[in-house]
Amino acid sequence: MPGVIVREDEPFEQALKRFKKQVERDKILSEVKKREFYEKPGVRRRKKLMAARKRLLKKLKKMRQYE
């Protein structure tokens, strides 16, 4: 769990900025969004396959540009 100790004479905004960076680095928000709703295993599997297909097509498209 991320936590930030506010230093002496440190503005609150700066401490909040450090906290937000730490949360982003730990990928907490993306994990919360992912777990917000229950996904059936089949739906999860289909999403994973679609993401892999999308990455592959993007990679092929990039390779064709250099030919």
PDB file of N, CA and C in Angstrom:
ATOM      1  N   MET A   1       0.846  -1.176   0.000  1.00  0.00           N
ATOM      2  CA  MET A   1       0.000   0.000   0.000  1.00  0.00           C
ATOM      3  C   MET A   1       0.893   1.240   0.000  1.00  0.00           C
ATOM      4  N   PRO A   2       0.728   2.117  -0.969  1.00  0.00           N
ATOM      5  CA  PRO A   2       1.586   3.300  -1.033  1.00  0.00           C
ATOM      6  C   PRO A   2       1.267   4.288   0.087  1.00  0.00           C
ATOM      7  N   GLY A   3       2.276   4.914   0.552  1.00  0.00           N
ATOM      8  CA  GLY A   3       2.120   5.928   1.578  1.00  0.00           C
ATOM      9  C   GLY A   3       3.209   6.965   1.434  1.00  0.00           C
ATOM     10  N   VAL A   4       2.872   8.201   1.784  1.00  0.00           N
ATOM     11  CA  VAL A   4       3.827   9.291   1.660  1.00  0.00           C
ATOM     12  C   VAL A   4       3.901  10.018   2.995  1.00  0.00           C
ATOM     13  N   ILE A   5       5.097  10.246   3.455  1.00  0.00           N
ATOM     14  CA  ILE A   5       5.294  11.022   4.673  1.00  0.00           C
ATOM     15  C   ILE A   5       5.562  12.460   4.240  1.00  0.00           C
ATOM     16  N   VAL A   6       4.731  13.357   4.738  1.00  0.00           N
ATOM     17  CA  VAL A   6       4.866  14.769   4.377  1.00  0.00           C
ATOM     18  C   VAL A   6       6.039  15.348   5.150  1.00  0.00           C
ATOM     19  N   ARG A   7       6.986  15.910   4.409  1.00  0.00           N
ATOM     20  CA  ARG A   7       8.183  16.475   5.031  1.00  0.00           C
ATOM     21  C   ARG A   7       7.871  17.850   5.620  1.00  0.00           C
ATOM     22  N   GLU A   8       8.783  18.311   6.461  1.00  0.00           N
ATOM     23  CA  GLU A   8       8.617  19.647   7.039  1.00  0.00           C
ATOM     24  C   GLU A   8       8.698  20.686   5.933  1.00  0.00           C
ATOM     25  N   ASP A   9       7.879  21.693   6.012  1.00  0.00           N
ATOM     26  CA  ASP A   9       7.851  22.816   5.058  1.00  0.00           C
ATOM     27  C   ASP A   9       7.588  22.347   3.621  1.00  0.00           C
ATOM     28  N   GLU A  10       6.934  21.203   3.463  1.00  0.00           N
ATOM     29  CA  GLU A  10       6.593  20.716   2.119  1.00  0.00           C
ATOM     30  C   GLU A  10       5.122  21.049   1.849  1.00  0.00           C
ATOM     31  N   PRO A  11       4.847  21.662   0.718  1.00  0.00           N
ATOM     32  CA  PRO A  11       3.440  21.968   0.401  1.00  0.00           C
ATOM     33  C   PRO A  11       2.637  20.678   0.197  1.00  0.00           C
ATOM     34  N   PHE A  12       1.375  20.756   0.540  1.00  0.00           N
ATOM     35  CA  PHE A  12       0.491  19.589   0.420  1.00  0.00           C
ATOM     36  C   PHE A  12       0.405  19.115  -1.025  1.00  0.00           C
ATOM     37  N   GLU A  13       0.368  20.070  -1.967  1.00  0.00           N
ATOM     38  CA  GLU A  13       0.247  19.718  -3.390  1.00  0.00           C
ATOM     39  C   GLU A  13       1.416  18.855  -3.855  1.00  0.00           C
ATOM     40  N   GLN A  14       2.605  19.177  -3.350  1.00  0.00           N
ATOM     41  CA  GLN A  14       3.791  18.405  -3.736  1.00  0.00           C
ATOM     42  C   GLN A  14       3.723  16.988  -3.159  1.00  0.00           C
ATOM     43  N   ALA A  15       3.265  16.867  -1.920  1.00  0.00           N
ATOM     44  CA  ALA A  15       3.120  15.542  -1.301  1.00  0.00           C
ATOM     45  C   ALA A  15       2.061  14.732  -2.047  1.00  0.00           C
ATOM     46  N   LEU A  16       0.970  15.383  -2.436  1.00  0.00           N
ATOM     47  CA  LEU A  16      -0.083  14.709  -3.195  1.00  0.00           C
ATOM     48  C   LEU A  16       0.449  14.231  -4.544  1.00  0.00           C
ATOM     49  N   LYS A  17       1.267  15.043  -5.175  1.00  0.00           N
ATOM     50  CA  LYS A  17       1.867  14.671  -6.465  1.00  0.00           C
ATOM     51  C   LYS A  17       2.761  13.435  -6.311  1.00  0.00           C
ATOM     52  N   ARG A  18       3.545  13.402  -5.232  1.00  0.00           N
ATOM     53  CA  ARG A  18       4.389  12.226  -4.983  1.00  0.00           C
ATOM     54  C   ARG A  18       3.548  10.983  -4.745  1.00  0.00           C
ATOM     55  N   PHE A  19       2.443  11.156  -4.008  1.00  0.00           N
ATOM     56  CA  PHE A  19       1.549  10.035  -3.740  1.00  0.00           C
ATOM     57  C   PHE A  19       0.942   9.514  -5.033  1.00  0.00           C
ATOM     58  N   LYS A  20       0.481  10.397  -5.901  1.00  0.00           N
ATOM     59  CA  LYS A  20      -0.120   9.989  -7.172  1.00  0.00           C
ATOM     60  C   LYS A  20       0.882   9.236  -8.034  1.00  0.00           C
ATOM     61  N   LYS A  21       2.125   9.704  -8.044  1.00  0.00           N
ATOM     62  CA  LYS A  21       3.165   9.011  -8.812  1.00  0.00           C
ATOM     63  C   LYS A  21       3.399   7.609  -8.284  1.00  0.00           C
ATOM     64  N   GLN A  22       3.397   7.486  -6.965  1.00  0.00           N
ATOM     65  CA  GLN A  22       3.627   6.183  -6.361  1.00  0.00           C
ATOM     66  C   GLN A  22       2.477   5.230  -6.667  1.00  0.00           C
ATOM     67  N   VAL A  23       1.244   5.732  -6.621  1.00  0.00           N
ATOM     68  CA  VAL A  23       0.074   4.913  -6.943  1.00  0.00           C
ATOM     69  C   VAL A  23       0.147   4.462  -8.403  1.00  0.00           C
ATOM     70  N   GLU A  24       0.523   5.380  -9.286  1.00  0.00           N
ATOM     71  CA  GLU A  24       0.639   5.043 -10.705  1.00  0.00           C
ATOM     72  C   GLU A  24       1.727   4.008 -10.937  1.00  0.00           C
ATOM     73  N   ARG A  25       2.841   4.162 -10.246  1.00  0.00           N
ATOM     74  CA  ARG A  25       3.958   3.233 -10.395  1.00  0.00           C
ATOM     75  C   ARG A  25       3.577   1.827  -9.926  1.00  0.00           C
ATOM     76  N   ASP A  26       2.763   1.753  -8.878  1.00  0.00           N
ATOM     77  CA  ASP A  26       2.337   0.464  -8.345  1.00  0.00           C
ATOM     78  C   ASP A  26       1.161  -0.129  -9.120  1.00  0.00           C
ATOM     79  N   LYS A  27       0.627   0.597 -10.095  1.00  0.00           N
ATOM     80  CA  LYS A  27      -0.482   0.156 -10.973  1.00  0.00           C
ATOM     81  C   LYS A  27      -1.721  -0.231 -10.166  1.00  0.00           C
ATOM     82  N   ILE A  28      -2.001   0.532  -9.142  1.00  0.00           N
ATOM     83  CA  ILE A  28      -3.142   0.238  -8.276  1.00  0.00           C
ATOM     84  C   ILE A  28      -4.455   0.584  -8.965  1.00  0.00           C
ATOM     85  N   LEU A  29      -4.516   1.747  -9.617  1.00  0.00           N
ATOM     86  CA  LEU A  29      -5.767   2.175 -10.244  1.00  0.00           C
ATOM     87  C   LEU A  29      -6.182   1.236 -11.374  1.00  0.00           C
ATOM     88  N   SER A  30      -5.224   0.779 -12.166  1.00  0.00           N
ATOM     89  CA  SER A  30      -5.571  -0.140 -13.251  1.00  0.00           C
ATOM     90  C   SER A  30      -6.093  -1.460 -12.690  1.00  0.00           C
ATOM     91  N   GLU A  31      -5.536  -1.895 -11.575  1.00  0.00           N
ATOM     92  CA  GLU A  31      -6.001  -3.128 -10.933  1.00  0.00           C
ATOM     93  C   GLU A  31      -7.416  -2.955 -10.384  1.00  0.00           C
ATOM     94  N   VAL A  32      -7.703  -1.795  -9.810  1.00  0.00           N
ATOM     95  CA  VAL A  32      -9.044  -1.527  -9.283  1.00  0.00           C
ATOM     96  C   VAL A  32     -10.056  -1.511 -10.419  1.00  0.00           C
ATOM     97  N   LYS A  33      -9.721  -0.857 -11.522  1.00  0.00           N
ATOM     98  CA  LYS A  33     -10.628  -0.799 -12.671  1.00  0.00           C
ATOM     99  C   LYS A  33     -10.868  -2.191 -13.244  1.00  0.00           C
ATOM    100  N   LYS A  34      -9.824  -3.009 -13.268  1.00  0.00           N
ATOM    101  CA  LYS A  34      -9.941  -4.361 -13.802  1.00  0.00           C
ATOM    102  C   LYS A  34     -10.863  -5.218 -12.938  1.00  0.00           C
ATOM    103  N   ARG A  35     -10.841  -5.006 -11.632  1.00  0.00           N
ATOM    104  CA  ARG A  35     -11.626  -5.820 -10.713  1.00  0.00           C
ATOM    105  C   ARG A  35     -12.970  -5.190 -10.336  1.00  0.00           C
ATOM    106  N   GLU A  36     -13.316  -4.088 -11.006  1.00  0.00           N
ATOM    107  CA  GLU A  36     -14.548  -3.381 -10.654  1.00  0.00           C
ATOM    108  C   GLU A  36     -15.783  -4.245 -10.887  1.00  0.00           C
ATOM    109  N   PHE A  37     -15.792  -5.000 -11.977  1.00  0.00           N
ATOM    110  CA  PHE A  37     -16.913  -5.863 -12.307  1.00  0.00           C
ATOM    111  C   PHE A  37     -16.393  -7.278 -12.525  1.00  0.00           C
ATOM    112  N   TYR A  38     -17.231  -8.259 -12.219  1.00  0.00           N
ATOM    113  CA  TYR A  38     -16.838  -9.644 -12.418  1.00  0.00           C
ATOM    114  C   TYR A  38     -16.904  -9.985 -13.898  1.00  0.00           C
ATOM    115  N   GLU A  39     -15.879 -10.632 -14.388  1.00  0.00           N
ATOM    116  CA  GLU A  39     -15.852 -11.108 -15.769  1.00  0.00           C
ATOM    117  C   GLU A  39     -15.830 -12.627 -15.743  1.00  0.00           C
ATOM    118  N   LYS A  40     -16.672 -13.214 -16.572  1.00  0.00           N
ATOM    119  CA  LYS A  40     -16.654 -14.665 -16.679  1.00  0.00           C
ATOM    120  C   LYS A  40     -15.320 -15.087 -17.274  1.00  0.00           C
ATOM    121  N   PRO A  41     -14.869 -16.300 -16.955  1.00  0.00           N
ATOM    122  CA  PRO A  41     -13.585 -16.763 -17.487  1.00  0.00           C
ATOM    123  C   PRO A  41     -13.537 -16.763 -19.014  1.00  0.00           C
ATOM    124  N   GLY A  42     -14.652 -17.100 -19.665  1.00  0.00           N
ATOM    125  CA  GLY A  42     -14.677 -17.104 -21.123  1.00  0.00           C
ATOM    126  C   GLY A  42     -14.507 -15.714 -21.705  1.00  0.00           C
ATOM    127  N   VAL A  43     -15.127 -14.733 -21.083  1.00  0.00           N
ATOM    128  CA  VAL A  43     -15.010 -13.351 -21.540  1.00  0.00           C
ATOM    129  C   VAL A  43     -13.582 -12.859 -21.340  1.00  0.00           C
ATOM    130  N   ARG A  44     -13.002 -13.201 -20.206  1.00  0.00           N
ATOM    131  CA  ARG A  44     -11.617 -12.816 -19.924  1.00  0.00           C
ATOM    132  C   ARG A  44     -10.671 -13.417 -20.968  1.00  0.00           C
ATOM    133  N   ARG A  45     -10.922 -14.687 -21.309  1.00  0.00           N
ATOM    134  CA  ARG A  45     -10.091 -15.386 -22.298  1.00  0.00           C
ATOM    135  C   ARG A  45     -10.220 -14.715 -23.673  1.00  0.00           C
ATOM    136  N   ARG A  46     -11.464 -14.381 -24.052  1.00  0.00           N
ATOM    137  CA  ARG A  46     -11.684 -13.721 -25.344  1.00  0.00           C
ATOM    138  C   ARG A  46     -10.993 -12.361 -25.412  1.00  0.00           C
ATOM    139  N   LYS A  47     -11.061 -11.603 -24.330  1.00  0.00           N
ATOM    140  CA  LYS A  47     -10.390 -10.300 -24.291  1.00  0.00           C
ATOM    141  C   LYS A  47      -8.883 -10.464 -24.443  1.00  0.00           C
ATOM    142  N   LYS A  48      -8.342 -11.479 -23.785  1.00  0.00           N
ATOM    143  CA  LYS A  48      -6.912 -11.733 -23.856  1.00  0.00           C
ATOM    144  C   LYS A  48      -6.501 -12.094 -25.283  1.00  0.00           C
ATOM    145  N   LEU A  49      -7.304 -12.947 -25.951  1.00  0.00           N
ATOM    146  CA  LEU A  49      -7.012 -13.321 -27.334  1.00  0.00           C
ATOM    147  C   LEU A  49      -7.113 -12.119 -28.268  1.00  0.00           C
ATOM    148  N   MET A  50      -8.128 -11.280 -28.056  1.00  0.00           N
ATOM    149  CA  MET A  50      -8.295 -10.092 -28.903  1.00  0.00           C
ATOM    150  C   MET A  50      -7.120  -9.122 -28.718  1.00  0.00           C
ATOM    151  N   ALA A  51      -6.647  -8.979 -27.496  1.00  0.00           N
ATOM    152  CA  ALA A  51      -5.505  -8.105 -27.244  1.00  0.00           C
ATOM    153  C   ALA A  51      -4.252  -8.647 -27.926  1.00  0.00           C
ATOM    154  N   ALA A  52      -4.065  -9.960 -27.881  1.00  0.00           N
ATOM    155  CA  ALA A  52      -2.905 -10.571 -28.538  1.00  0.00           C
ATOM    156  C   ALA A  52      -2.990 -10.388 -30.043  1.00  0.00           C
ATOM    157  N   ARG A  53      -4.188 -10.559 -30.592  1.00  0.00           N
ATOM    158  CA  ARG A  53      -4.380 -10.376 -32.029  1.00  0.00           C
ATOM    159  C   ARG A  53      -4.104  -8.925 -32.428  1.00  0.00           C
ATOM    160  N   LYS A  54      -4.566  -7.995 -31.615  1.00  0.00           N
ATOM    161  CA  LYS A  54      -4.360  -6.576 -31.884  1.00  0.00           C
ATOM    162  C   LYS A  54      -2.866  -6.233 -31.871  1.00  0.00           C
ATOM    163  N   ARG A  55      -2.132  -6.774 -30.876  1.00  0.00           N
ATOM    164  CA  ARG A  55      -0.690  -6.537 -30.810  1.00  0.00           C
ATOM    165  C   ARG A  55       0.008  -7.093 -32.039  1.00  0.00           C
ATOM    166  N   LEU A  56      -0.400  -8.303 -32.474  1.00  0.00           N
ATOM    167  CA  LEU A  56       0.217  -8.940 -33.633  1.00  0.00           C
ATOM    168  C   LEU A  56      -0.034  -8.122 -34.893  1.00  0.00           C
ATOM    169  N   LEU A  57      -1.280  -7.673 -35.092  1.00  0.00           N
ATOM    170  CA  LEU A  57      -1.593  -6.869 -36.272  1.00  0.00           C
ATOM    171  C   LEU A  57      -0.818  -5.560 -36.268  1.00  0.00           C
ATOM    172  N   LYS A  58      -0.675  -4.960 -35.095  1.00  0.00           N
ATOM    173  CA  LYS A  58       0.085  -3.714 -34.986  1.00  0.00           C
ATOM    174  C   LYS A  58       1.549  -3.952 -35.350  1.00  0.00           C
ATOM    175  N   LYS A  59       2.091  -5.087 -34.893  1.00  0.00           N
ATOM    176  CA  LYS A  59       3.481  -5.431 -35.177  1.00  0.00           C
ATOM    177  C   LYS A  59       3.672  -5.683 -36.678  1.00  0.00           C
ATOM    178  N   LEU A  60       2.720  -6.409 -37.293  1.00  0.00           N
ATOM    179  CA  LEU A  60       2.813  -6.679 -38.726  1.00  0.00           C
ATOM    180  C   LEU A  60       2.710  -5.398 -39.539  1.00  0.00           C
ATOM    181  N   LYS A  61       1.816  -4.513 -39.120  1.00  0.00           N
ATOM    182  CA  LYS A  61       1.642  -3.230 -39.814  1.00  0.00           C
ATOM    183  C   LYS A  61       2.940  -2.418 -39.746  1.00  0.00           C
ATOM    184  N   LYS A  62       3.570  -2.421 -38.582  1.00  0.00           N
ATOM    185  CA  LYS A  62       4.820  -1.691 -38.397  1.00  0.00           C
ATOM    186  C   LYS A  62       5.924  -2.273 -39.276  1.00  0.00           C
ATOM    187  N   MET A  63       5.961  -3.623 -39.391  1.00  0.00           N
ATOM    188  CA  MET A  63       6.984  -4.280 -40.212  1.00  0.00           C
ATOM    189  C   MET A  63       6.781  -3.964 -41.689  1.00  0.00           C
ATOM    190  N   ARG A  64       5.540  -3.861 -42.125  1.00  0.00           N
ATOM    191  CA  ARG A  64       5.251  -3.583 -43.524  1.00  0.00           C
ATOM    192  C   ARG A  64       5.654  -2.165 -43.902  1.00  0.00           C
ATOM    193  N   GLN A  65       5.671  -1.246 -42.959  1.00  0.00           N
ATOM    194  CA  GLN A  65       6.070   0.132 -43.249  1.00  0.00           C
ATOM    195  C   GLN A  65       7.537   0.199 -43.655  1.00  0.00           C
ATOM    196  N   TYR A  66       8.356  -0.647 -43.088  1.00  0.00           N
ATOM    197  CA  TYR A  66       9.781  -0.604 -43.352  1.00  0.00           C
ATOM    198  C   TYR A  66      10.183  -1.365 -44.603  1.00  0.00           C
ATOM    199  N   GLU A  67       9.250  -2.069 -45.235  1.00  0.00           N
ATOM    200  CA  GLU A  67       9.582  -2.831 -46.457  1.00  0.00           C
ATOM    201  C   GLU A  67       9.617  -1.948 -47.659  1.00  0.00           C
TER     202      GLU A  67
END
